[in-house]
Amino acid sequence: RLGLSYAGYGKFETALGYLEQIPEEQLDNDTLFQLAFTQRELGDLEAATANFEKLRKRTPDYVTVYPYLADLYEQAGQFGQALITAQEGLAVDEFNEALYQKASQLAAKLGKNKEATDYLKEALALDPSNLTLVLELSNQLLATQQDQENIALLKAKDEVDPQIYWNLGRSYANLDDYERALTNYETANRYLDDNAEFLRDAAFFFRNAGRRVEASTAAKAYLMQVPTDYEVEDLLDELQY
């Protein structure tokens, strides 16, 4: 009880001192989880992984363990094992939105793009209004050049979000529909004019669309944040002639 109480107040070092005194055979599931969680918070990832694994093997339907365990394997660079762990969690709880999201991220890191997309679609089926999931799926569709599907996904949403406009603009540009692309880039630019990643992309897009003034403005704003990007410096030099 002392260990759990100290952990609840964020005093993990003190909590660990108490939790580690409990014999393993007397650790119930919740206390074993808290021990592993405390070790994770203190940076002892190896011990945390070992104890989360003990809990998973002891009680496979203790679903809370799977996201943490998958995350630890991911931090260790063991992406394959991390994905397997997330998949095992989904076998226990097929309605776990966070696990679908984690599985998608891991699949993408392993180059399994179709799996990554499918996991996000499963998550969105559980929560269609989750904008974070919508944008992750949109980014995945962009990365795999599924521009028509990306446009259909985003146009069906009522949310006003600058990332939606940016992603729509990118897909329209990929399809050489510069009129619609320009409309969406201009809208996104109202909100993302201090976002370095957007400004870099917008500078090249506006140049390709024949909008030299907007391209120059975006390039200058970007270089104020990233002055060592020589490719954008060359673009700005080109636009000045």
C-alpha atoms as a PDB file:
ATOM      1  CA  ARG A   1       0.000   0.000   0.000  1.00  0.00           C
ATOM      2  CA  LEU A   2       2.847   2.378   0.737  1.00  0.00           C
ATOM      3  CA  GLY A   3       4.427   1.617  -2.640  1.00  0.00           C
ATOM      4  CA  LEU A   4       1.196   2.223  -4.517  1.00  0.00           C
ATOM      5  CA  SER A   5       0.521   5.411  -2.576  1.00  0.00           C
ATOM      6  CA  TYR A   6       3.946   6.895  -3.262  1.00  0.00           C
ATOM      7  CA  ALA A   7       3.646   5.941  -6.937  1.00  0.00           C
ATOM      8  CA  GLY A   8       0.258   7.651  -7.063  1.00  0.00           C
ATOM      9  CA  TYR A   9       1.952  10.870  -5.932  1.00  0.00           C
ATOM     10  CA  GLY A  10       4.702  10.469  -8.524  1.00  0.00           C
ATOM     11  CA  LYS A  11       7.366   9.653  -5.929  1.00  0.00           C
ATOM     12  CA  PHE A  12       8.614   6.689  -7.917  1.00  0.00           C
ATOM     13  CA  GLU A  13      11.996   6.173  -6.267  1.00  0.00           C
ATOM     14  CA  THR A  14      10.386   5.863  -2.839  1.00  0.00           C
ATOM     15  CA  ALA A  15       7.614   3.708  -4.279  1.00  0.00           C
ATOM     16  CA  LEU A  16      10.128   1.347  -5.866  1.00  0.00           C
ATOM     17  CA  GLY A  17      11.877   0.849  -2.549  1.00  0.00           C
ATOM     18  CA  TYR A  18       8.657  -0.541  -1.079  1.00  0.00           C
ATOM     19  CA  LEU A  19       7.419  -2.459  -4.116  1.00  0.00           C
ATOM     20  CA  GLU A  20      10.710  -4.313  -4.557  1.00  0.00           C
ATOM     21  CA  GLN A  21      10.425  -5.690  -1.018  1.00  0.00           C
ATOM     22  CA  ILE A  22       7.301  -7.682  -1.881  1.00  0.00           C
ATOM     23  CA  PRO A  23       8.084 -11.372  -2.610  1.00  0.00           C
ATOM     24  CA  GLU A  24       7.223 -12.237  -6.205  1.00  0.00           C
ATOM     25  CA  GLU A  25       4.714 -14.897  -5.195  1.00  0.00           C
ATOM     26  CA  GLN A  26       2.783 -12.266  -3.229  1.00  0.00           C
ATOM     27  CA  LEU A  27       2.574  -9.731  -6.059  1.00  0.00           C
ATOM     28  CA  ASP A  28      -0.970  -9.542  -7.392  1.00  0.00           C
ATOM     29  CA  ASN A  29      -1.522  -8.426 -10.968  1.00  0.00           C
ATOM     30  CA  ASP A  30      -2.151  -4.772 -10.205  1.00  0.00           C
ATOM     31  CA  THR A  31       0.906  -4.496  -7.953  1.00  0.00           C
ATOM     32  CA  LEU A  32       3.129  -6.243 -10.499  1.00  0.00           C
ATOM     33  CA  PHE A  33       1.868  -3.808 -13.117  1.00  0.00           C
ATOM     34  CA  GLN A  34       2.656  -0.878 -10.823  1.00  0.00           C
ATOM     35  CA  LEU A  35       6.149  -2.252 -10.147  1.00  0.00           C
ATOM     36  CA  ALA A  36       6.857  -2.485 -13.884  1.00  0.00           C
ATOM     37  CA  PHE A  37       5.317   0.936 -14.502  1.00  0.00           C
ATOM     38  CA  THR A  38       7.461   2.465 -11.744  1.00  0.00           C
ATOM     39  CA  GLN A  39      10.623   0.902 -13.173  1.00  0.00           C
ATOM     40  CA  ARG A  40       9.675   2.298 -16.574  1.00  0.00           C
ATOM     41  CA  GLU A  41       9.189   5.785 -15.133  1.00  0.00           C
ATOM     42  CA  LEU A  42      12.632   5.583 -13.524  1.00  0.00           C
ATOM     43  CA  GLY A  43      14.278   4.533 -16.786  1.00  0.00           C
ATOM     44  CA  ASP A  44      14.990   0.905 -15.890  1.00  0.00           C
ATOM     45  CA  LEU A  45      13.520  -0.314 -19.158  1.00  0.00           C
ATOM     46  CA  GLU A  46      15.014  -3.805 -18.987  1.00  0.00           C
ATOM     47  CA  ALA A  47      13.470  -4.543 -15.590  1.00  0.00           C
ATOM     48  CA  ALA A  48      10.181  -2.961 -16.638  1.00  0.00           C
ATOM     49  CA  THR A  49      10.044  -5.102 -19.785  1.00  0.00           C
ATOM     50  CA  ALA A  50      10.777  -8.262 -17.780  1.00  0.00           C
ATOM     51  CA  ASN A  51       8.006  -7.554 -15.279  1.00  0.00           C
ATOM     52  CA  PHE A  52       5.450  -6.551 -17.916  1.00  0.00           C
ATOM     53  CA  GLU A  53       6.287  -9.840 -19.664  1.00  0.00           C
ATOM     54  CA  LYS A  54       5.755 -11.751 -16.413  1.00  0.00           C
ATOM     55  CA  LEU A  55       2.349 -10.149 -16.082  1.00  0.00           C
ATOM     56  CA  ARG A  56       1.433 -10.865 -19.705  1.00  0.00           C
ATOM     57  CA  LYS A  57       2.373 -14.539 -19.350  1.00  0.00           C
ATOM     58  CA  ARG A  58       0.646 -14.865 -15.985  1.00  0.00           C
ATOM     59  CA  THR A  59      -2.580 -13.147 -17.065  1.00  0.00           C
ATOM     60  CA  PRO A  60      -2.841 -12.818 -20.860  1.00  0.00           C
ATOM     61  CA  ASP A  61      -6.176 -10.980 -20.645  1.00  0.00           C
ATOM     62  CA  TYR A  62      -4.667  -8.149 -18.537  1.00  0.00           C
ATOM     63  CA  VAL A  63      -5.031  -5.884 -21.562  1.00  0.00           C
ATOM     64  CA  THR A  64      -3.496  -2.763 -19.988  1.00  0.00           C
ATOM     65  CA  VAL A  65      -0.048  -4.330 -20.188  1.00  0.00           C
ATOM     66  CA  TYR A  66       0.121  -4.574 -23.995  1.00  0.00           C
ATOM     67  CA  PRO A  67       0.509  -0.883 -24.991  1.00  0.00           C
ATOM     68  CA  TYR A  68       3.274  -0.377 -22.413  1.00  0.00           C
ATOM     69  CA  LEU A  69       5.082  -3.558 -23.400  1.00  0.00           C
ATOM     70  CA  ALA A  70       4.833  -2.749 -27.108  1.00  0.00           C
ATOM     71  CA  ASP A  71       6.188   0.735 -26.409  1.00  0.00           C
ATOM     72  CA  LEU A  72       9.168  -0.672 -24.499  1.00  0.00           C
ATOM     73  CA  TYR A  73      10.051  -3.043 -27.327  1.00  0.00           C
ATOM     74  CA  GLU A  74       9.745  -0.127 -29.745  1.00  0.00           C
ATOM     75  CA  GLN A  75      12.103   1.977 -27.637  1.00  0.00           C
ATOM     76  CA  ALA A  76      14.573  -0.905 -27.718  1.00  0.00           C
ATOM     77  CA  GLY A  77      14.383  -0.950 -31.521  1.00  0.00           C
ATOM     78  CA  GLN A  78      12.650  -4.338 -31.552  1.00  0.00           C
ATOM     79  CA  PHE A  79       9.892  -3.256 -33.913  1.00  0.00           C
ATOM     80  CA  GLY A  80       8.906  -6.775 -34.936  1.00  0.00           C
ATOM     81  CA  GLN A  81       8.432  -7.893 -31.341  1.00  0.00           C
ATOM     82  CA  ALA A  82       6.611  -4.661 -30.571  1.00  0.00           C
ATOM     83  CA  LEU A  83       4.153  -5.313 -33.412  1.00  0.00           C
ATOM     84  CA  ILE A  84       3.612  -8.907 -32.263  1.00  0.00           C
ATOM     85  CA  THR A  85       2.872  -7.599 -28.768  1.00  0.00           C
ATOM     86  CA  ALA A  86       0.309  -5.114 -30.094  1.00  0.00           C
ATOM     87  CA  GLN A  87      -1.276  -7.871 -32.173  1.00  0.00           C
ATOM     88  CA  GLU A  88      -1.485 -10.120 -29.109  1.00  0.00           C
ATOM     89  CA  GLY A  89      -3.201  -7.302 -27.268  1.00  0.00           C
ATOM     90  CA  LEU A  90      -5.745  -6.905 -30.065  1.00  0.00           C
ATOM     91  CA  ALA A  91      -6.457 -10.625 -29.878  1.00  0.00           C
ATOM     92  CA  VAL A  92      -7.460 -10.030 -26.253  1.00  0.00           C
ATOM     93  CA  ASP A  93      -9.313  -6.740 -26.854  1.00  0.00           C
ATOM     94  CA  GLU A  94     -10.435  -6.169 -30.441  1.00  0.00           C
ATOM     95  CA  PHE A  95     -12.007  -2.846 -29.493  1.00  0.00           C
ATOM     96  CA  ASN A  96      -8.802  -1.222 -28.222  1.00  0.00           C
ATOM     97  CA  GLU A  97      -8.396   1.899 -30.343  1.00  0.00           C
ATOM     98  CA  ALA A  98      -4.952   2.759 -28.915  1.00  0.00           C
ATOM     99  CA  LEU A  99      -3.586  -0.673 -29.784  1.00  0.00           C
ATOM    100  CA  TYR A 100      -4.754  -0.374 -33.395  1.00  0.00           C
ATOM    101  CA  GLN A 101      -3.006   2.981 -33.575  1.00  0.00           C
ATOM    102  CA  LYS A 102       0.212   1.559 -32.082  1.00  0.00           C
ATOM    103  CA  ALA A 103       0.062  -1.470 -34.396  1.00  0.00           C
ATOM    104  CA  SER A 104      -0.297   0.853 -37.386  1.00  0.00           C
ATOM    105  CA  GLN A 105       2.719   2.938 -36.381  1.00  0.00           C
ATOM    106  CA  LEU A 106       4.837  -0.175 -35.896  1.00  0.00           C
ATOM    107  CA  ALA A 107       3.709  -1.743 -39.169  1.00  0.00           C
ATOM    108  CA  ALA A 108       4.669   1.464 -40.988  1.00  0.00           C
ATOM    109  CA  LYS A 109       8.143   1.376 -39.418  1.00  0.00           C
ATOM    110  CA  LEU A 110       8.526  -2.180 -40.699  1.00  0.00           C
ATOM    111  CA  GLY A 111       7.456  -1.132 -44.212  1.00  0.00           C
ATOM    112  CA  LYS A 112       4.164  -3.018 -43.949  1.00  0.00           C
ATOM    113  CA  ASN A 113       2.124  -0.193 -45.419  1.00  0.00           C
ATOM    114  CA  LYS A 114      -1.054  -2.112 -46.158  1.00  0.00           C
ATOM    115  CA  GLU A 115      -1.170  -3.422 -42.589  1.00  0.00           C
ATOM    116  CA  ALA A 116      -0.523   0.086 -41.270  1.00  0.00           C
ATOM    117  CA  THR A 117      -3.442   1.427 -43.291  1.00  0.00           C
ATOM    118  CA  ASP A 118      -5.756  -1.430 -42.313  1.00  0.00           C
ATOM    119  CA  TYR A 119      -5.071  -0.989 -38.597  1.00  0.00           C
ATOM    120  CA  LEU A 120      -5.959   2.710 -38.795  1.00  0.00           C
ATOM    121  CA  LYS A 121      -9.156   1.918 -40.651  1.00  0.00           C
ATOM    122  CA  GLU A 122     -10.067  -0.534 -37.864  1.00  0.00           C
ATOM    123  CA  ALA A 123      -9.417   2.161 -35.267  1.00  0.00           C
ATOM    124  CA  LEU A 124     -11.512   4.708 -37.175  1.00  0.00           C
ATOM    125  CA  ALA A 125     -14.354   2.227 -37.435  1.00  0.00           C
ATOM    126  CA  LEU A 126     -14.445   2.310 -33.625  1.00  0.00           C
ATOM    127  CA  ASP A 127     -14.219   6.104 -33.413  1.00  0.00           C
ATOM    128  CA  PRO A 128     -14.945   7.856 -36.741  1.00  0.00           C
ATOM    129  CA  SER A 129     -14.726  11.303 -35.137  1.00  0.00           C
ATOM    130  CA  ASN A 130     -11.139  10.879 -33.895  1.00  0.00           C
ATOM    131  CA  LEU A 131      -9.281  13.559 -35.865  1.00  0.00           C
ATOM    132  CA  THR A 132      -5.861  12.267 -34.775  1.00  0.00           C
ATOM    133  CA  LEU A 133      -6.620   8.908 -36.375  1.00  0.00           C
ATOM    134  CA  VAL A 134      -8.019  10.602 -39.488  1.00  0.00           C
ATOM    135  CA  LEU A 135      -4.808  12.572 -39.953  1.00  0.00           C
ATOM    136  CA  GLU A 136      -2.599   9.535 -39.300  1.00  0.00           C
ATOM    137  CA  LEU A 137      -4.521   7.602 -41.945  1.00  0.00           C
ATOM    138  CA  SER A 138      -4.299  10.563 -44.309  1.00  0.00           C
ATOM    139  CA  ASN A 139      -0.531  10.755 -43.829  1.00  0.00           C
ATOM    140  CA  GLN A 140      -0.257   7.029 -44.464  1.00  0.00           C
ATOM    141  CA  LEU A 141      -2.308   7.310 -47.646  1.00  0.00           C
ATOM    142  CA  LEU A 142      -0.108  10.180 -48.812  1.00  0.00           C
ATOM    143  CA  ALA A 143       3.035   8.180 -48.086  1.00  0.00           C
ATOM    144  CA  THR A 144       1.731   5.320 -50.226  1.00  0.00           C
ATOM    145  CA  GLN A 145       0.475   7.612 -53.025  1.00  0.00           C
ATOM    146  CA  GLN A 146      -3.193   6.739 -52.530  1.00  0.00           C
ATOM    147  CA  ASP A 147      -4.284  10.269 -53.328  1.00  0.00           C
ATOM    148  CA  GLN A 148      -7.829   9.593 -54.495  1.00  0.00           C
ATOM    149  CA  GLU A 149      -8.580   7.660 -51.318  1.00  0.00           C
ATOM    150  CA  ASN A 150      -6.976  10.394 -49.230  1.00  0.00           C
ATOM    151  CA  ILE A 151      -9.168  13.056 -50.859  1.00  0.00           C
ATOM    152  CA  ALA A 152     -12.283  10.950 -50.279  1.00  0.00           C
ATOM    153  CA  LEU A 153     -11.318  10.472 -46.627  1.00  0.00           C
ATOM    154  CA  LEU A 154     -10.718  14.158 -45.901  1.00  0.00           C
ATOM    155  CA  LYS A 155     -13.606  15.606 -47.902  1.00  0.00           C
ATOM    156  CA  ALA A 156     -15.983  13.469 -45.838  1.00  0.00           C
ATOM    157  CA  LYS A 157     -14.880  15.247 -42.635  1.00  0.00           C
ATOM    158  CA  ASP A 158     -16.537  18.374 -41.291  1.00  0.00           C
ATOM    159  CA  GLU A 159     -13.582  19.424 -39.111  1.00  0.00           C
ATOM    160  CA  VAL A 160     -11.722  22.612 -39.942  1.00  0.00           C
ATOM    161  CA  ASP A 161      -8.082  21.739 -39.389  1.00  0.00           C
ATOM    162  CA  PRO A 162      -5.065  23.199 -41.225  1.00  0.00           C
ATOM    163  CA  GLN A 163      -3.479  19.762 -41.591  1.00  0.00           C
ATOM    164  CA  ILE A 164      -6.574  18.611 -43.516  1.00  0.00           C
ATOM    165  CA  TYR A 165      -6.196  21.490 -45.974  1.00  0.00           C
ATOM    166  CA  TRP A 166      -2.476  20.824 -46.332  1.00  0.00           C
ATOM    167  CA  ASN A 167      -2.974  17.107 -46.937  1.00  0.00           C
ATOM    168  CA  LEU A 168      -5.749  17.790 -49.450  1.00  0.00           C
ATOM    169  CA  GLY A 169      -3.481  20.259 -51.226  1.00  0.00           C
ATOM    170  CA  ARG A 170      -0.687  17.689 -51.431  1.00  0.00           C
ATOM    171  CA  SER A 171      -2.970  15.046 -52.922  1.00  0.00           C
ATOM    172  CA  TYR A 172      -4.486  17.434 -55.458  1.00  0.00           C
ATOM    173  CA  ALA A 173      -0.971  18.549 -56.437  1.00  0.00           C
ATOM    174  CA  ASN A 174       0.089  14.918 -56.844  1.00  0.00           C
ATOM    175  CA  LEU A 175      -2.860  14.503 -59.224  1.00  0.00           C
ATOM    176  CA  ASP A 176      -1.872  17.707 -61.100  1.00  0.00           C
ATOM    177  CA  ASP A 177      -5.117  19.413 -60.072  1.00  0.00           C
ATOM    178  CA  TYR A 178      -3.382  22.692 -59.293  1.00  0.00           C
ATOM    179  CA  GLU A 179      -6.543  24.778 -59.003  1.00  0.00           C
ATOM    180  CA  ARG A 180      -7.875  22.737 -56.062  1.00  0.00           C
ATOM    181  CA  ALA A 181      -4.378  22.270 -54.666  1.00  0.00           C
ATOM    182  CA  LEU A 182      -3.803  26.030 -54.645  1.00  0.00           C
ATOM    183  CA  THR A 183      -7.075  26.682 -52.801  1.00  0.00           C
ATOM    184  CA  ASN A 184      -6.129  24.246 -50.065  1.00  0.00           C
ATOM    185  CA  TYR A 185      -2.513  25.419 -49.745  1.00  0.00           C
ATOM    186  CA  GLU A 186      -3.664  29.026 -49.437  1.00  0.00           C
ATOM    187  CA  THR A 187      -6.121  28.068 -46.697  1.00  0.00           C
ATOM    188  CA  ALA A 188      -3.531  26.004 -44.840  1.00  0.00           C
ATOM    189  CA  ASN A 189      -1.071  28.890 -45.105  1.00  0.00           C
ATOM    190  CA  ARG A 190      -3.333  31.104 -42.985  1.00  0.00           C
ATOM    191  CA  TYR A 191      -2.784  28.777 -40.031  1.00  0.00           C
ATOM    192  CA  LEU A 192       0.607  27.175 -40.703  1.00  0.00           C
ATOM    193  CA  ASP A 193       2.689  30.200 -41.652  1.00  0.00           C
ATOM    194  CA  ASP A 194       5.043  29.462 -38.731  1.00  0.00           C
ATOM    195  CA  ASN A 195       5.279  25.707 -39.339  1.00  0.00           C
ATOM    196  CA  ALA A 196       8.687  24.971 -40.846  1.00  0.00           C
ATOM    197  CA  GLU A 197       7.694  21.674 -42.442  1.00  0.00           C
ATOM    198  CA  PHE A 198       4.692  23.265 -44.136  1.00  0.00           C
ATOM    199  CA  LEU A 199       6.617  26.350 -45.234  1.00  0.00           C
ATOM    200  CA  ARG A 200       9.269  24.247 -46.956  1.00  0.00           C
ATOM    201  CA  ASP A 201       6.671  22.199 -48.804  1.00  0.00           C
ATOM    202  CA  ALA A 202       4.615  25.297 -49.641  1.00  0.00           C
ATOM    203  CA  ALA A 203       7.635  27.133 -51.073  1.00  0.00           C
ATOM    204  CA  PHE A 204       8.200  24.411 -53.658  1.00  0.00           C
ATOM    205  CA  PHE A 205       4.488  23.977 -54.329  1.00  0.00           C
ATOM    206  CA  PHE A 206       3.887  27.684 -54.936  1.00  0.00           C
ATOM    207  CA  ARG A 207       6.951  27.770 -57.237  1.00  0.00           C
ATOM    208  CA  ASN A 208       5.578  24.836 -59.245  1.00  0.00           C
ATOM    209  CA  ALA A 209       2.148  26.511 -59.382  1.00  0.00           C
ATOM    210  CA  GLY A 210       3.668  29.700 -60.798  1.00  0.00           C
ATOM    211  CA  ARG A 211       3.011  31.737 -57.645  1.00  0.00           C
ATOM    212  CA  ARG A 212       6.491  33.234 -57.217  1.00  0.00           C
ATOM    213  CA  VAL A 213       5.573  35.848 -54.596  1.00  0.00           C
ATOM    214  CA  GLU A 214       3.960  33.286 -52.294  1.00  0.00           C
ATOM    215  CA  ALA A 215       6.854  30.886 -52.914  1.00  0.00           C
ATOM    216  CA  SER A 216       9.388  33.556 -51.995  1.00  0.00           C
ATOM    217  CA  THR A 217       7.458  34.522 -48.842  1.00  0.00           C
ATOM    218  CA  ALA A 218       7.259  30.904 -47.705  1.00  0.00           C
ATOM    219  CA  ALA A 219      10.946  30.273 -48.443  1.00  0.00           C
ATOM    220  CA  LYS A 220      12.048  33.361 -46.492  1.00  0.00           C
ATOM    221  CA  ALA A 221       9.873  32.455 -43.503  1.00  0.00           C
ATOM    222  CA  TYR A 222      11.237  28.911 -43.577  1.00  0.00           C
ATOM    223  CA  LEU A 223      14.872  30.016 -43.747  1.00  0.00           C
ATOM    224  CA  MET A 224      14.381  32.190 -40.669  1.00  0.00           C
ATOM    225  CA  GLN A 225      13.778  28.934 -38.804  1.00  0.00           C
ATOM    226  CA  VAL A 226      16.138  26.637 -40.738  1.00  0.00           C
ATOM    227  CA  PRO A 227      18.885  28.875 -42.146  1.00  0.00           C
ATOM    228  CA  THR A 228      21.143  25.973 -43.190  1.00  0.00           C
ATOM    229  CA  ASP A 229      18.786  24.411 -45.749  1.00  0.00           C
ATOM    230  CA  TYR A 230      20.781  25.064 -48.911  1.00  0.00           C
ATOM    231  CA  GLU A 231      18.137  23.585 -51.216  1.00  0.00           C
ATOM    232  CA  VAL A 232      15.647  26.234 -50.098  1.00  0.00           C
ATOM    233  CA  GLU A 233      18.353  28.901 -50.350  1.00  0.00           C
ATOM    234  CA  ASP A 234      18.855  27.886 -53.977  1.00  0.00           C
ATOM    235  CA  LEU A 235      15.086  28.051 -54.511  1.00  0.00           C
ATOM    236  CA  LEU A 236      14.982  31.574 -53.101  1.00  0.00           C
ATOM    237  CA  ASP A 237      17.882  32.640 -55.340  1.00  0.00           C
ATOM    238  CA  GLU A 238      16.006  31.206 -58.323  1.00  0.00           C
ATOM    239  CA  LEU A 239      12.853  33.134 -57.406  1.00  0.00           C
ATOM    240  CA  GLN A 240      14.716  36.436 -57.218  1.00  0.00           C
ATOM    241  CA  TYR A 241      15.629  36.323 -60.931  1.00  0.00           C
END
